[in-house]
Amino acid sequence: MMTRNAYVALVTCFNDDETINFAATRAHARRQIEAGNDLMVCGTNGDFSALMFDEKVRLVAEVADEVAGRGRIIANAGCPSTFETVRLAKAFDGFGLAGTAVITPYFIACSQDGMVRHFSTVADAVATPIYLYDIPARTQNHIEAETALTLATHGNIKGIKDSGGSTESVEVYLEVARQVPGFEVYCAPDHLVLWGLQKGCSGVISGLGNVAPDVLATIIRAFNENDIPKAEAAQEVFAGLRKDLYALGFPPAMVKRALYTNDSSVGLSRQPALLPDNAQDEAIRKIMTSRGLVQ
């Protein structure tokens, strides 16, 4: 049976002046690798939309240097324009990545034909395998089934990260994978980790894994060892944490603040991200304490 794996969509740590704290980001990368998880850099939980071009390149370089063969890295190069996405993907090409994710263009409304051209152009331009990244709630552009099927046949498009948030969207892309052998589907919603593995996903890409890396790693490890009761128990913990934490606000912001309760080096996010408040912080601390996640 294929061994599944988990990528954690790594947070980007910031100093008080909103510059990137590379040392703290490297420390959080080490924590994930030591737990047994792989890494996604410059994703939604990494505040990619607030980062400048050169910062993204250095961030991926720093994390790649920190990991140094101990784990796999996927980095998101997606930008609103095809031109900039190609430039960034080319800049990532020399870092030995397992893949380059490309989020659907945002702000610019795209036709399905336009997205085929966009992703194909990026995939043609680089050596690193490309992973499509679908998160329509944030970009307002969605990769439909036929589009995914067309792109899956491209020799340098290896798979898709589905952040649609439902079982239906995962099922659509898994059907594409059944038609195109070798095309990988990564499930992103944290409440669907085990479900996705059982349905045939190649793995997961998780934001919540920043907060509970060992719990996420346990789900994956237990599934790979066919210890389903253990995987189910860990998934129950993970899903419960997700429900409680995400009920408080925007998920990436809640993940960042939950990390802050253990390590203030993660810092705040760049403005105009949501600012924390005392009542919210206290609610987060209670959740983290109740689940044994406060150091």
Protein backbone atom coordinates (compact mmCIF):
# COMPACT_ATOMS: atom_id res chain seq x y z
CA MET A 1 0.00 0.00 0.00
CA MET A 2 1.23 3.50 -0.80
CA THR A 3 2.75 5.30 2.17
CA ARG A 4 0.87 8.51 2.90
CA ASN A 5 2.45 11.67 4.29
CA ALA A 6 1.50 14.98 5.89
CA TYR A 7 2.72 18.41 4.92
CA VAL A 8 2.21 21.19 7.45
CA ALA A 9 1.48 24.62 5.93
CA LEU A 10 4.21 26.30 7.94
CA VAL A 11 3.57 29.66 9.60
CA THR A 12 5.86 32.56 8.75
CA CYS A 13 7.16 34.24 11.91
CA PHE A 14 7.41 38.02 12.13
CA ASN A 15 9.31 40.45 14.31
CA ASP A 16 7.59 43.36 16.06
CA ASP A 17 8.36 45.62 13.08
CA GLU A 18 6.67 43.08 10.73
CA THR A 19 9.93 41.95 9.12
CA ILE A 20 10.31 38.19 8.82
CA ASN A 21 11.90 36.41 11.78
CA PHE A 22 13.83 33.78 9.82
CA ALA A 23 15.42 32.20 12.90
CA ALA A 24 12.02 31.61 14.52
CA THR A 25 10.58 30.27 11.26
CA ARG A 26 13.48 27.81 11.02
CA ALA A 27 12.82 26.71 14.59
CA HIS A 28 9.19 25.96 13.78
CA ALA A 29 10.31 24.06 10.68
CA ARG A 30 12.60 21.92 12.89
CA ARG A 31 9.72 21.20 15.24
CA GLN A 32 7.62 19.84 12.39
CA ILE A 33 10.42 17.74 10.90
CA GLU A 34 11.21 16.26 14.31
CA ALA A 35 7.55 15.29 14.70
CA GLY A 36 7.73 13.47 11.35
CA ASN A 37 5.85 15.95 9.17
CA ASP A 38 6.90 17.51 5.87
CA LEU A 39 6.49 21.20 5.07
CA MET A 40 4.58 23.54 2.79
CA VAL A 41 6.12 27.02 2.71
CA CYS A 42 4.46 30.26 1.55
CA GLY A 43 0.99 28.81 1.87
CA THR A 44 -2.14 30.42 3.29
CA ASN A 45 -1.03 29.78 6.87
CA GLY A 46 2.35 31.22 5.91
CA ASP A 47 0.84 34.65 5.09
CA PHE A 48 2.04 34.32 1.49
CA SER A 49 -0.24 37.10 0.25
CA ALA A 50 1.54 39.57 2.54
CA LEU A 51 5.05 38.58 1.44
CA MET A 52 7.14 40.28 -1.23
CA PHE A 53 8.85 38.39 -4.06
CA ASP A 54 12.38 38.43 -2.60
CA GLU A 55 11.08 37.51 0.85
CA LYS A 56 9.39 34.41 -0.54
CA VAL A 57 12.58 33.31 -2.25
CA ARG A 58 14.68 33.78 0.88
CA LEU A 59 12.04 32.12 3.06
CA VAL A 60 12.03 28.98 0.92
CA ALA A 61 15.84 29.00 0.80
CA GLU A 62 16.08 29.27 4.60
CA VAL A 63 13.62 26.47 5.24
CA ALA A 64 15.24 24.24 2.60
CA ASP A 65 18.60 24.81 4.27
CA GLU A 66 17.12 24.01 7.68
CA VAL A 67 15.49 20.79 6.50
CA ALA A 68 18.58 19.75 4.49
CA GLY A 69 17.32 16.37 3.30
CA ARG A 70 15.45 15.44 6.51
CA GLY A 71 12.02 16.08 4.99
CA ARG A 72 10.16 17.17 1.91
CA ILE A 73 9.14 20.72 1.02
CA ILE A 74 6.45 22.11 -1.25
CA ALA A 75 6.49 25.87 -1.77
CA ASN A 76 3.61 27.96 -3.11
CA ALA A 77 4.61 30.20 -6.02
CA GLY A 78 1.11 31.28 -7.00
CA CYS A 79 0.62 34.98 -7.78
CA PRO A 80 -2.23 36.86 -9.48
CA SER A 81 -0.37 36.98 -12.82
CA THR A 82 1.12 34.14 -14.81
CA PHE A 83 4.20 36.26 -15.47
CA GLU A 84 5.11 36.67 -11.79
CA THR A 85 4.16 33.09 -10.94
CA VAL A 86 6.61 31.82 -13.57
CA ARG A 87 9.36 34.09 -12.24
CA LEU A 88 8.81 32.90 -8.68
CA ALA A 89 8.55 29.22 -9.63
CA LYS A 90 11.83 29.55 -11.53
CA ALA A 91 13.43 31.11 -8.46
CA PHE A 92 12.30 28.09 -6.40
CA ASP A 93 13.62 25.64 -8.97
CA GLY A 94 17.08 25.28 -7.48
CA PHE A 95 16.08 24.47 -3.92
CA GLY A 96 15.49 20.73 -4.33
CA LEU A 97 11.77 20.92 -3.58
CA ALA A 98 9.42 17.97 -3.75
CA GLY A 99 7.04 20.26 -5.60
CA THR A 100 5.97 23.81 -6.32
CA ALA A 101 2.35 24.56 -5.49
CA VAL A 102 0.51 27.12 -7.60
CA ILE A 103 -2.60 28.61 -6.04
CA THR A 104 -5.32 29.64 -8.49
CA PRO A 105 -4.96 33.29 -9.55
CA TYR A 106 -6.73 35.68 -7.20
CA PHE A 107 -8.38 39.09 -7.77
CA ILE A 108 -8.39 38.33 -11.51
CA ALA A 109 -11.46 36.34 -12.60
CA CYS A 110 -10.33 33.41 -14.77
CA SER A 111 -12.13 31.20 -17.25
CA GLN A 112 -11.38 27.48 -17.13
CA ASP A 113 -9.42 27.83 -20.40
CA GLY A 114 -7.49 30.67 -18.81
CA MET A 115 -6.52 28.47 -15.87
CA VAL A 116 -5.38 25.69 -18.20
CA ARG A 117 -3.10 28.20 -19.92
CA HIS A 118 -1.92 29.62 -16.60
CA PHE A 119 -0.95 26.33 -14.95
CA SER A 120 0.43 24.81 -18.16
CA THR A 121 2.65 27.84 -18.76
CA VAL A 122 4.11 27.56 -15.26
CA ALA A 123 4.58 23.80 -15.56
CA ASP A 124 6.32 24.22 -18.91
CA ALA A 125 8.76 26.74 -17.46
CA VAL A 126 10.24 24.78 -14.55
CA ALA A 127 11.80 21.43 -13.71
CA THR A 128 10.19 21.07 -10.27
CA PRO A 129 6.86 19.18 -10.35
CA ILE A 130 3.81 21.43 -10.05
CA TYR A 131 0.90 20.94 -7.66
CA LEU A 132 -2.35 22.75 -8.38
CA TYR A 133 -3.76 24.54 -5.33
CA ASP A 134 -7.53 25.06 -5.25
CA ILE A 135 -9.01 27.27 -2.50
CA PRO A 136 -12.01 29.00 -4.09
CA ALA A 137 -13.23 30.64 -0.88
CA ARG A 138 -10.10 32.80 -0.89
CA THR A 139 -9.34 33.25 -4.62
CA GLN A 140 -12.85 33.14 -6.14
CA ASN A 141 -11.43 30.90 -8.90
CA HIS A 142 -12.15 27.17 -8.84
CA ILE A 143 -10.48 24.36 -10.79
CA GLU A 144 -13.38 22.34 -12.20
CA ALA A 145 -13.25 18.61 -12.80
CA GLU A 146 -12.60 18.74 -16.57
CA THR A 147 -9.94 21.38 -16.09
CA ALA A 148 -8.21 19.26 -13.46
CA LEU A 149 -8.38 16.26 -15.79
CA THR A 150 -6.81 18.23 -18.64
CA LEU A 151 -4.04 19.55 -16.41
CA ALA A 152 -3.41 16.14 -14.84
CA THR A 153 -2.20 14.87 -18.21
CA HIS A 154 0.56 17.50 -18.35
CA GLY A 155 3.87 15.78 -17.79
CA ASN A 156 5.01 18.20 -15.08
CA ILE A 157 1.77 18.59 -13.11
CA LYS A 158 1.95 16.02 -10.33
CA GLY A 159 -1.15 16.62 -8.24
CA ILE A 160 -3.53 18.98 -6.46
CA LYS A 161 -4.04 20.43 -2.99
CA ASP A 162 -7.77 20.61 -2.40
CA SER A 163 -8.82 23.27 0.09
CA GLY A 164 -12.45 23.33 -0.99
CA GLY A 165 -13.54 22.25 2.47
CA SER A 166 -15.93 19.46 1.53
CA THR A 167 -15.88 15.74 0.83
CA GLU A 168 -17.47 16.46 -2.56
CA SER A 169 -14.51 18.44 -3.88
CA VAL A 170 -12.04 15.77 -2.72
CA GLU A 171 -14.09 13.07 -4.44
CA VAL A 172 -14.05 15.03 -7.72
CA TYR A 173 -10.26 15.19 -7.75
CA LEU A 174 -9.88 11.57 -6.64
CA GLU A 175 -11.89 10.61 -9.72
CA VAL A 176 -9.34 12.51 -11.80
CA ALA A 177 -6.58 10.54 -10.05
CA ARG A 178 -8.33 7.28 -10.95
CA GLN A 179 -8.32 8.33 -14.59
CA VAL A 180 -4.73 9.59 -14.61
CA PRO A 181 -2.44 7.18 -12.72
CA GLY A 182 0.22 8.98 -10.72
CA PHE A 183 -1.82 12.16 -10.18
CA GLU A 184 -1.78 12.90 -6.45
CA VAL A 185 -4.59 14.40 -4.39
CA TYR A 186 -3.76 16.12 -1.10
CA CYS A 187 -6.66 16.82 1.24
CA ALA A 188 -6.42 20.07 3.21
CA PRO A 189 -9.46 20.35 5.56
CA ASP A 190 -8.24 19.24 8.99
CA HIS A 191 -11.47 17.45 9.90
CA LEU A 192 -11.07 15.23 6.81
CA VAL A 193 -7.49 13.99 7.33
CA LEU A 194 -8.29 10.35 8.06
CA TRP A 195 -11.32 10.31 5.76
CA GLY A 196 -9.14 11.54 2.90
CA LEU A 197 -6.50 8.90 3.52
CA GLN A 198 -9.14 6.18 3.59
CA LYS A 199 -10.60 7.42 0.31
CA GLY A 200 -7.23 7.26 -1.45
CA CYS A 201 -5.58 10.67 -1.01
CA SER A 202 -1.79 10.65 -1.25
CA GLY A 203 -1.63 12.66 1.95
CA VAL A 204 -2.73 15.84 3.62
CA ILE A 205 -1.58 19.47 3.80
CA SER A 206 -2.63 20.84 7.16
CA GLY A 207 -2.68 24.28 8.75
CA LEU A 208 -3.71 22.99 12.18
CA GLY A 209 -0.63 20.76 12.22
CA ASN A 210 1.31 23.89 13.20
CA VAL A 211 -0.42 23.72 16.58
CA ALA A 212 -0.52 19.94 17.08
CA PRO A 213 2.27 18.38 14.97
CA ASP A 214 2.42 15.18 16.98
CA VAL A 215 -1.32 14.56 16.72
CA LEU A 216 -1.22 14.99 12.94
CA ALA A 217 1.83 12.75 12.65
CA THR A 218 0.07 10.10 14.74
CA ILE A 219 -2.91 10.00 12.36
CA ILE A 220 -0.60 9.47 9.39
CA ARG A 221 1.71 6.98 11.10
CA ALA A 222 -1.15 4.91 12.50
CA PHE A 223 -2.89 4.83 9.12
CA ASN A 224 0.31 3.70 7.39
CA GLU A 225 0.67 0.95 10.00
CA ASN A 226 -2.99 -0.04 9.52
CA ASP A 227 -3.75 0.79 13.15
CA ILE A 228 -7.10 2.36 12.35
CA PRO A 229 -8.39 2.62 15.95
CA LYS A 230 -5.31 4.65 16.88
CA ALA A 231 -5.71 6.81 13.78
CA GLU A 232 -9.38 7.39 14.60
CA ALA A 233 -8.57 8.40 18.18
CA ALA A 234 -5.98 10.92 17.01
CA GLN A 235 -8.35 12.24 14.34
CA GLU A 236 -11.02 12.79 16.99
CA VAL A 237 -8.57 14.92 18.99
CA PHE A 238 -7.52 16.82 15.87
CA ALA A 239 -11.08 17.47 14.71
CA GLY A 240 -12.13 18.59 18.19
CA LEU A 241 -9.26 21.06 18.36
CA ARG A 242 -10.19 22.37 14.93
CA LYS A 243 -13.83 22.87 15.89
CA ASP A 244 -13.02 24.71 19.11
CA LEU A 245 -10.19 26.86 17.75
CA TYR A 246 -11.73 27.81 14.41
CA ALA A 247 -15.01 28.78 16.08
CA LEU A 248 -13.15 31.83 17.41
CA GLY A 249 -12.25 33.39 14.05
CA PHE A 250 -10.32 33.22 10.77
CA PRO A 251 -8.47 29.86 10.87
CA PRO A 252 -4.93 31.00 9.90
CA ALA A 253 -5.12 33.81 12.46
CA MET A 254 -6.28 31.38 15.15
CA VAL A 255 -3.46 28.97 14.32
CA LYS A 256 -0.91 31.77 14.60
CA ARG A 257 -2.29 32.99 17.90
CA ALA A 258 -2.52 29.48 19.35
CA LEU A 259 1.17 29.06 18.57
CA TYR A 260 1.82 32.39 20.26
CA THR A 261 0.51 30.97 23.55
CA ASN A 262 3.55 28.65 23.56
CA ASP A 263 6.11 30.76 21.73
CA SER A 264 5.82 34.50 21.21
CA SER A 265 8.55 34.37 18.54
CA VAL A 266 5.88 33.61 15.92
CA GLY A 267 4.81 37.23 16.27
CA LEU A 268 1.75 38.83 14.76
CA SER A 269 0.90 38.79 11.07
CA ARG A 270 1.33 41.75 8.78
CA GLN A 271 -1.49 44.24 8.76
CA PRO A 272 -4.32 44.38 7.94
CA ALA A 273 -4.52 40.89 9.42
CA LEU A 274 -6.81 40.47 12.41
CA LEU A 275 -5.34 41.76 15.64
CA PRO A 276 -5.74 39.62 18.78
CA ASP A 277 -7.76 40.73 21.76
CA ASN A 278 -7.56 39.71 25.42
CA ALA A 279 -10.85 37.80 25.48
CA GLN A 280 -9.91 35.83 22.40
CA ASP A 281 -6.45 35.07 23.76
CA GLU A 282 -7.95 33.75 26.98
CA ALA A 283 -10.35 31.51 25.04
CA ILE A 284 -7.45 30.16 22.99
CA ARG A 285 -5.41 29.45 26.14
CA LYS A 286 -8.30 27.52 27.64
CA ILE A 287 -8.64 25.41 24.49
CA MET A 288 -4.92 24.72 24.33
CA THR A 289 -4.72 23.89 28.04
CA SER A 290 -7.74 21.58 27.94
CA ARG A 291 -6.08 19.59 25.16
CA GLY A 292 -2.65 19.47 26.79
CA LEU A 293 -1.04 21.63 24.14
CA VAL A 294 0.32 24.42 26.35
CA GLN A 295 3.96 23.88 27.27
